[in-house]
Amino acid sequence: MEESQNRIGAFLIGDDLGLTKRWGVLAASLFTIIFTFYLFDYYQTVYALIPGRVIVYGAAGVLVLLSAWQAYQNRSLVASLLLCIAPVTALFIHIIGEGQTVDPGVGETLLLGTGWGLVFGVPLGFLGFILGYAGQRYIGSEIPT
């Protein structure tokens, strides 16, 4: 029984706890960068140059690839999910706060932003984890020992 718990823990946390912590710090940094980027309206300049769809699909692709790279290195489901949930949540907190016709409460904005961040971030993180984990298993089986 203890062995199966260790496998589940390794599956969730990853092979190296220190590496998982570093990926968590990167996820928190992405949250801060995206939130600051939108808070100070830097996004308007970018949206003036590049169509919105390209930015959204490109950012989603980058997040999936980042999540896949993490899963390939460390096999942590939690870190893969955090890498996608954190920046998407920061984006939705700003979108919900800005899109209201009346002043929303801080709690409502954070709750809705987190909820929508989970709705869109979890599938991206899970897709990245599956791609990275499968790539690590496939490439690992091709290397002769």
C-alpha atoms as a PDB file:
ATOM      1  CA  MET A   1       0.000   0.000   0.000  1.00  0.00           C
ATOM      2  CA  GLU A   2       2.809   2.387   0.844  1.00  0.00           C
ATOM      3  CA  GLU A   3       4.455   1.749  -2.521  1.00  0.00           C
ATOM      4  CA  SER A   4       1.297   2.771  -4.416  1.00  0.00           C
ATOM      5  CA  GLN A   5       1.088   5.963  -2.331  1.00  0.00           C
ATOM      6  CA  ASN A   6       4.706   6.744  -3.201  1.00  0.00           C
ATOM      7  CA  ARG A   7       3.947   6.237  -6.900  1.00  0.00           C
ATOM      8  CA  ILE A   8       0.924   8.529  -6.709  1.00  0.00           C
ATOM      9  CA  GLY A   9       2.948  11.139  -4.837  1.00  0.00           C
ATOM     10  CA  ALA A  10       5.729  10.906  -7.423  1.00  0.00           C
ATOM     11  CA  PHE A  11       3.145  11.204 -10.184  1.00  0.00           C
ATOM     12  CA  LEU A  12       1.656  14.363  -8.648  1.00  0.00           C
ATOM     13  CA  ILE A  13       4.786  16.038  -7.281  1.00  0.00           C
ATOM     14  CA  GLY A  14       7.351  14.724  -9.746  1.00  0.00           C
ATOM     15  CA  ASP A  15      10.684  13.003  -9.581  1.00  0.00           C
ATOM     16  CA  ASP A  16      12.570  15.908  -7.975  1.00  0.00           C
ATOM     17  CA  LEU A  17      10.890  18.103  -5.355  1.00  0.00           C
ATOM     18  CA  GLY A  18      13.445  20.886  -5.847  1.00  0.00           C
ATOM     19  CA  LEU A  19      12.740  20.988  -9.568  1.00  0.00           C
ATOM     20  CA  THR A  20       8.998  21.060  -8.878  1.00  0.00           C
ATOM     21  CA  LYS A  21       9.507  24.047  -6.570  1.00  0.00           C
ATOM     22  CA  ARG A  22      11.454  25.873  -9.291  1.00  0.00           C
ATOM     23  CA  TRP A  23       8.671  25.246 -11.806  1.00  0.00           C
ATOM     24  CA  GLY A  24       6.209  26.532  -9.181  1.00  0.00           C
ATOM     25  CA  VAL A  25       8.238  29.714  -8.834  1.00  0.00           C
ATOM     26  CA  LEU A  26       8.146  30.075 -12.625  1.00  0.00           C
ATOM     27  CA  ALA A  27       4.341  29.674 -12.552  1.00  0.00           C
ATOM     28  CA  ALA A  28       4.061  32.365  -9.861  1.00  0.00           C
ATOM     29  CA  SER A  29       6.363  34.607 -11.908  1.00  0.00           C
ATOM     30  CA  LEU A  30       4.201  34.112 -14.995  1.00  0.00           C
ATOM     31  CA  PHE A  31       1.144  35.090 -12.941  1.00  0.00           C
ATOM     32  CA  THR A  32       2.877  38.257 -11.760  1.00  0.00           C
ATOM     33  CA  ILE A  33       4.184  39.193 -15.203  1.00  0.00           C
ATOM     34  CA  ILE A  34       0.842  38.670 -16.952  1.00  0.00           C
ATOM     35  CA  PHE A  35      -1.082  40.482 -14.226  1.00  0.00           C
ATOM     36  CA  THR A  36       1.318  43.449 -14.311  1.00  0.00           C
ATOM     37  CA  PHE A  37       1.326  43.469 -18.121  1.00  0.00           C
ATOM     38  CA  TYR A  38      -2.449  43.837 -18.187  1.00  0.00           C
ATOM     39  CA  LEU A  39      -2.685  46.066 -15.113  1.00  0.00           C
ATOM     40  CA  PHE A  40      -0.578  48.792 -16.725  1.00  0.00           C
ATOM     41  CA  ASP A  41      -2.285  48.440 -20.148  1.00  0.00           C
ATOM     42  CA  TYR A  42       0.817  47.302 -22.030  1.00  0.00           C
ATOM     43  CA  TYR A  43      -1.359  44.793 -23.852  1.00  0.00           C
ATOM     44  CA  GLN A  44      -3.022  47.509 -25.954  1.00  0.00           C
ATOM     45  CA  THR A  45       0.197  48.148 -27.856  1.00  0.00           C
ATOM     46  CA  VAL A  46       0.614  44.446 -28.568  1.00  0.00           C
ATOM     47  CA  TYR A  47      -3.013  44.037 -29.648  1.00  0.00           C
ATOM     48  CA  ALA A  48      -2.605  46.993 -32.007  1.00  0.00           C
ATOM     49  CA  LEU A  49       0.227  45.180 -33.798  1.00  0.00           C
ATOM     50  CA  ILE A  50      -0.914  41.540 -33.677  1.00  0.00           C
ATOM     51  CA  PRO A  51      -4.455  40.180 -34.017  1.00  0.00           C
ATOM     52  CA  GLY A  52      -5.988  38.933 -30.752  1.00  0.00           C
ATOM     53  CA  ARG A  53      -6.522  35.376 -31.995  1.00  0.00           C
ATOM     54  CA  VAL A  54      -2.855  34.989 -32.822  1.00  0.00           C
ATOM     55  CA  ILE A  55      -1.909  36.149 -29.337  1.00  0.00           C
ATOM     56  CA  VAL A  56      -4.394  33.860 -27.581  1.00  0.00           C
ATOM     57  CA  TYR A  57      -3.577  30.754 -29.622  1.00  0.00           C
ATOM     58  CA  GLY A  58       0.142  31.488 -29.491  1.00  0.00           C
ATOM     59  CA  ALA A  59       0.098  31.968 -25.720  1.00  0.00           C
ATOM     60  CA  ALA A  60      -1.925  28.776 -25.275  1.00  0.00           C
ATOM     61  CA  GLY A  61       0.565  26.897 -27.445  1.00  0.00           C
ATOM     62  CA  VAL A  62       3.517  28.260 -25.486  1.00  0.00           C
ATOM     63  CA  LEU A  63       1.892  27.283 -22.190  1.00  0.00           C
ATOM     64  CA  VAL A  64       1.203  23.748 -23.436  1.00  0.00           C
ATOM     65  CA  LEU A  65       4.803  23.419 -24.647  1.00  0.00           C
ATOM     66  CA  LEU A  66       6.153  24.775 -21.351  1.00  0.00           C
ATOM     67  CA  SER A  67       3.970  22.330 -19.450  1.00  0.00           C
ATOM     68  CA  ALA A  68       5.103  19.495 -21.721  1.00  0.00           C
ATOM     69  CA  TRP A  69       8.766  20.387 -21.193  1.00  0.00           C
ATOM     70  CA  GLN A  70       8.239  20.315 -17.425  1.00  0.00           C
ATOM     71  CA  ALA A  71       6.511  16.927 -17.637  1.00  0.00           C
ATOM     72  CA  TYR A  72       9.326  15.623 -19.814  1.00  0.00           C
ATOM     73  CA  GLN A  73      11.920  16.730 -17.262  1.00  0.00           C
ATOM     74  CA  ASN A  74      10.193  16.050 -13.961  1.00  0.00           C
ATOM     75  CA  ARG A  75       6.834  14.300 -14.540  1.00  0.00           C
ATOM     76  CA  SER A  76       4.903  16.509 -12.114  1.00  0.00           C
ATOM     77  CA  LEU A  77       1.199  16.833 -12.839  1.00  0.00           C
ATOM     78  CA  VAL A  78       0.823  19.622 -10.271  1.00  0.00           C
ATOM     79  CA  ALA A  79       3.582  21.733 -11.825  1.00  0.00           C
ATOM     80  CA  SER A  80       2.196  21.201 -15.334  1.00  0.00           C
ATOM     81  CA  LEU A  81      -1.212  22.374 -14.211  1.00  0.00           C
ATOM     82  CA  LEU A  82       0.188  25.366 -12.324  1.00  0.00           C
ATOM     83  CA  LEU A  83       2.212  26.507 -15.336  1.00  0.00           C
ATOM     84  CA  CYS A  84      -1.030  26.903 -17.302  1.00  0.00           C
ATOM     85  CA  ILE A  85      -3.484  27.873 -14.568  1.00  0.00           C
ATOM     86  CA  ALA A  86      -1.438  30.752 -13.104  1.00  0.00           C
ATOM     87  CA  PRO A  87      -1.070  32.956 -16.220  1.00  0.00           C
ATOM     88  CA  VAL A  88      -4.600  32.207 -17.447  1.00  0.00           C
ATOM     89  CA  THR A  89      -6.008  33.135 -14.040  1.00  0.00           C
ATOM     90  CA  ALA A  90      -4.091  36.428 -14.078  1.00  0.00           C
ATOM     91  CA  LEU A  91      -5.557  37.196 -17.486  1.00  0.00           C
ATOM     92  CA  PHE A  92      -9.123  36.410 -16.420  1.00  0.00           C
ATOM     93  CA  ILE A  93      -8.861  38.405 -13.195  1.00  0.00           C
ATOM     94  CA  HIS A  94      -8.045  41.438 -15.319  1.00  0.00           C
ATOM     95  CA  ILE A  95     -10.699  40.706 -17.946  1.00  0.00           C
ATOM     96  CA  ILE A  96     -13.437  40.262 -15.349  1.00  0.00           C
ATOM     97  CA  GLY A  97     -12.379  43.309 -13.367  1.00  0.00           C
ATOM     98  CA  GLU A  98     -12.273  45.499 -16.461  1.00  0.00           C
ATOM     99  CA  GLY A  99     -15.409  44.165 -18.151  1.00  0.00           C
ATOM    100  CA  GLN A 100     -17.875  44.934 -15.374  1.00  0.00           C
ATOM    101  CA  THR A 101     -20.413  47.736 -15.771  1.00  0.00           C
ATOM    102  CA  VAL A 102     -20.422  48.333 -12.018  1.00  0.00           C
ATOM    103  CA  ASP A 103     -17.506  48.090  -9.646  1.00  0.00           C
ATOM    104  CA  PRO A 104     -17.162  44.400  -8.808  1.00  0.00           C
ATOM    105  CA  GLY A 105     -16.072  43.370  -5.379  1.00  0.00           C
ATOM    106  CA  VAL A 106     -12.509  42.178  -5.021  1.00  0.00           C
ATOM    107  CA  GLY A 107     -13.675  38.798  -3.771  1.00  0.00           C
ATOM    108  CA  GLU A 108     -16.060  38.335  -6.697  1.00  0.00           C
ATOM    109  CA  THR A 109     -13.401  39.293  -9.215  1.00  0.00           C
ATOM    110  CA  LEU A 110     -10.828  36.929  -7.714  1.00  0.00           C
ATOM    111  CA  LEU A 111     -13.340  34.088  -7.470  1.00  0.00           C
ATOM    112  CA  LEU A 112     -14.573  34.454 -11.051  1.00  0.00           C
ATOM    113  CA  GLY A 113     -11.049  34.951 -12.401  1.00  0.00           C
ATOM    114  CA  THR A 114      -9.812  31.864 -10.605  1.00  0.00           C
ATOM    115  CA  GLY A 115     -12.791  29.839 -11.779  1.00  0.00           C
ATOM    116  CA  TRP A 116     -12.322  30.787 -15.427  1.00  0.00           C
ATOM    117  CA  GLY A 117      -8.574  30.297 -15.048  1.00  0.00           C
ATOM    118  CA  LEU A 118      -9.243  26.744 -13.913  1.00  0.00           C
ATOM    119  CA  VAL A 119     -11.751  26.117 -16.708  1.00  0.00           C
ATOM    120  CA  PHE A 120      -9.235  27.062 -19.400  1.00  0.00           C
ATOM    121  CA  GLY A 121      -5.920  26.338 -17.639  1.00  0.00           C
ATOM    122  CA  VAL A 122      -6.566  22.759 -16.498  1.00  0.00           C
ATOM    123  CA  PRO A 123      -7.121  21.343 -20.020  1.00  0.00           C
ATOM    124  CA  LEU A 124      -4.016  23.152 -21.304  1.00  0.00           C
ATOM    125  CA  GLY A 125      -1.887  21.887 -18.410  1.00  0.00           C
ATOM    126  CA  PHE A 126      -3.237  18.358 -18.694  1.00  0.00           C
ATOM    127  CA  LEU A 127      -2.582  18.312 -22.450  1.00  0.00           C
ATOM    128  CA  GLY A 128       0.973  19.510 -21.868  1.00  0.00           C
ATOM    129  CA  PHE A 129       1.495  16.902 -19.159  1.00  0.00           C
ATOM    130  CA  ILE A 130       0.263  14.096 -21.417  1.00  0.00           C
ATOM    131  CA  LEU A 131       2.505  15.236 -24.283  1.00  0.00           C
ATOM    132  CA  GLY A 132       5.577  15.573 -22.058  1.00  0.00           C
ATOM    133  CA  TYR A 133       5.001  12.358 -20.158  1.00  0.00           C
ATOM    134  CA  ALA A 134       4.382  10.390 -23.350  1.00  0.00           C
ATOM    135  CA  GLY A 135       7.431  11.949 -24.978  1.00  0.00           C
ATOM    136  CA  GLN A 136       9.596  11.063 -22.010  1.00  0.00           C
ATOM    137  CA  ARG A 137       8.329   7.483 -22.002  1.00  0.00           C
ATOM    138  CA  TYR A 138       8.709   7.106 -25.772  1.00  0.00           C
ATOM    139  CA  ILE A 139      12.132   8.750 -26.047  1.00  0.00           C
ATOM    140  CA  GLY A 140      13.301   6.956 -22.903  1.00  0.00           C
ATOM    141  CA  SER A 141      12.381   3.606 -24.421  1.00  0.00           C
ATOM    142  CA  GLU A 142      14.304   4.385 -27.631  1.00  0.00           C
ATOM    143  CA  ILE A 143      17.615   5.019 -25.858  1.00  0.00           C
ATOM    144  CA  PRO A 144      19.663   1.820 -25.584  1.00  0.00           C
ATOM    145  CA  THR A 145      20.998   1.048 -22.133  1.00  0.00           C
END
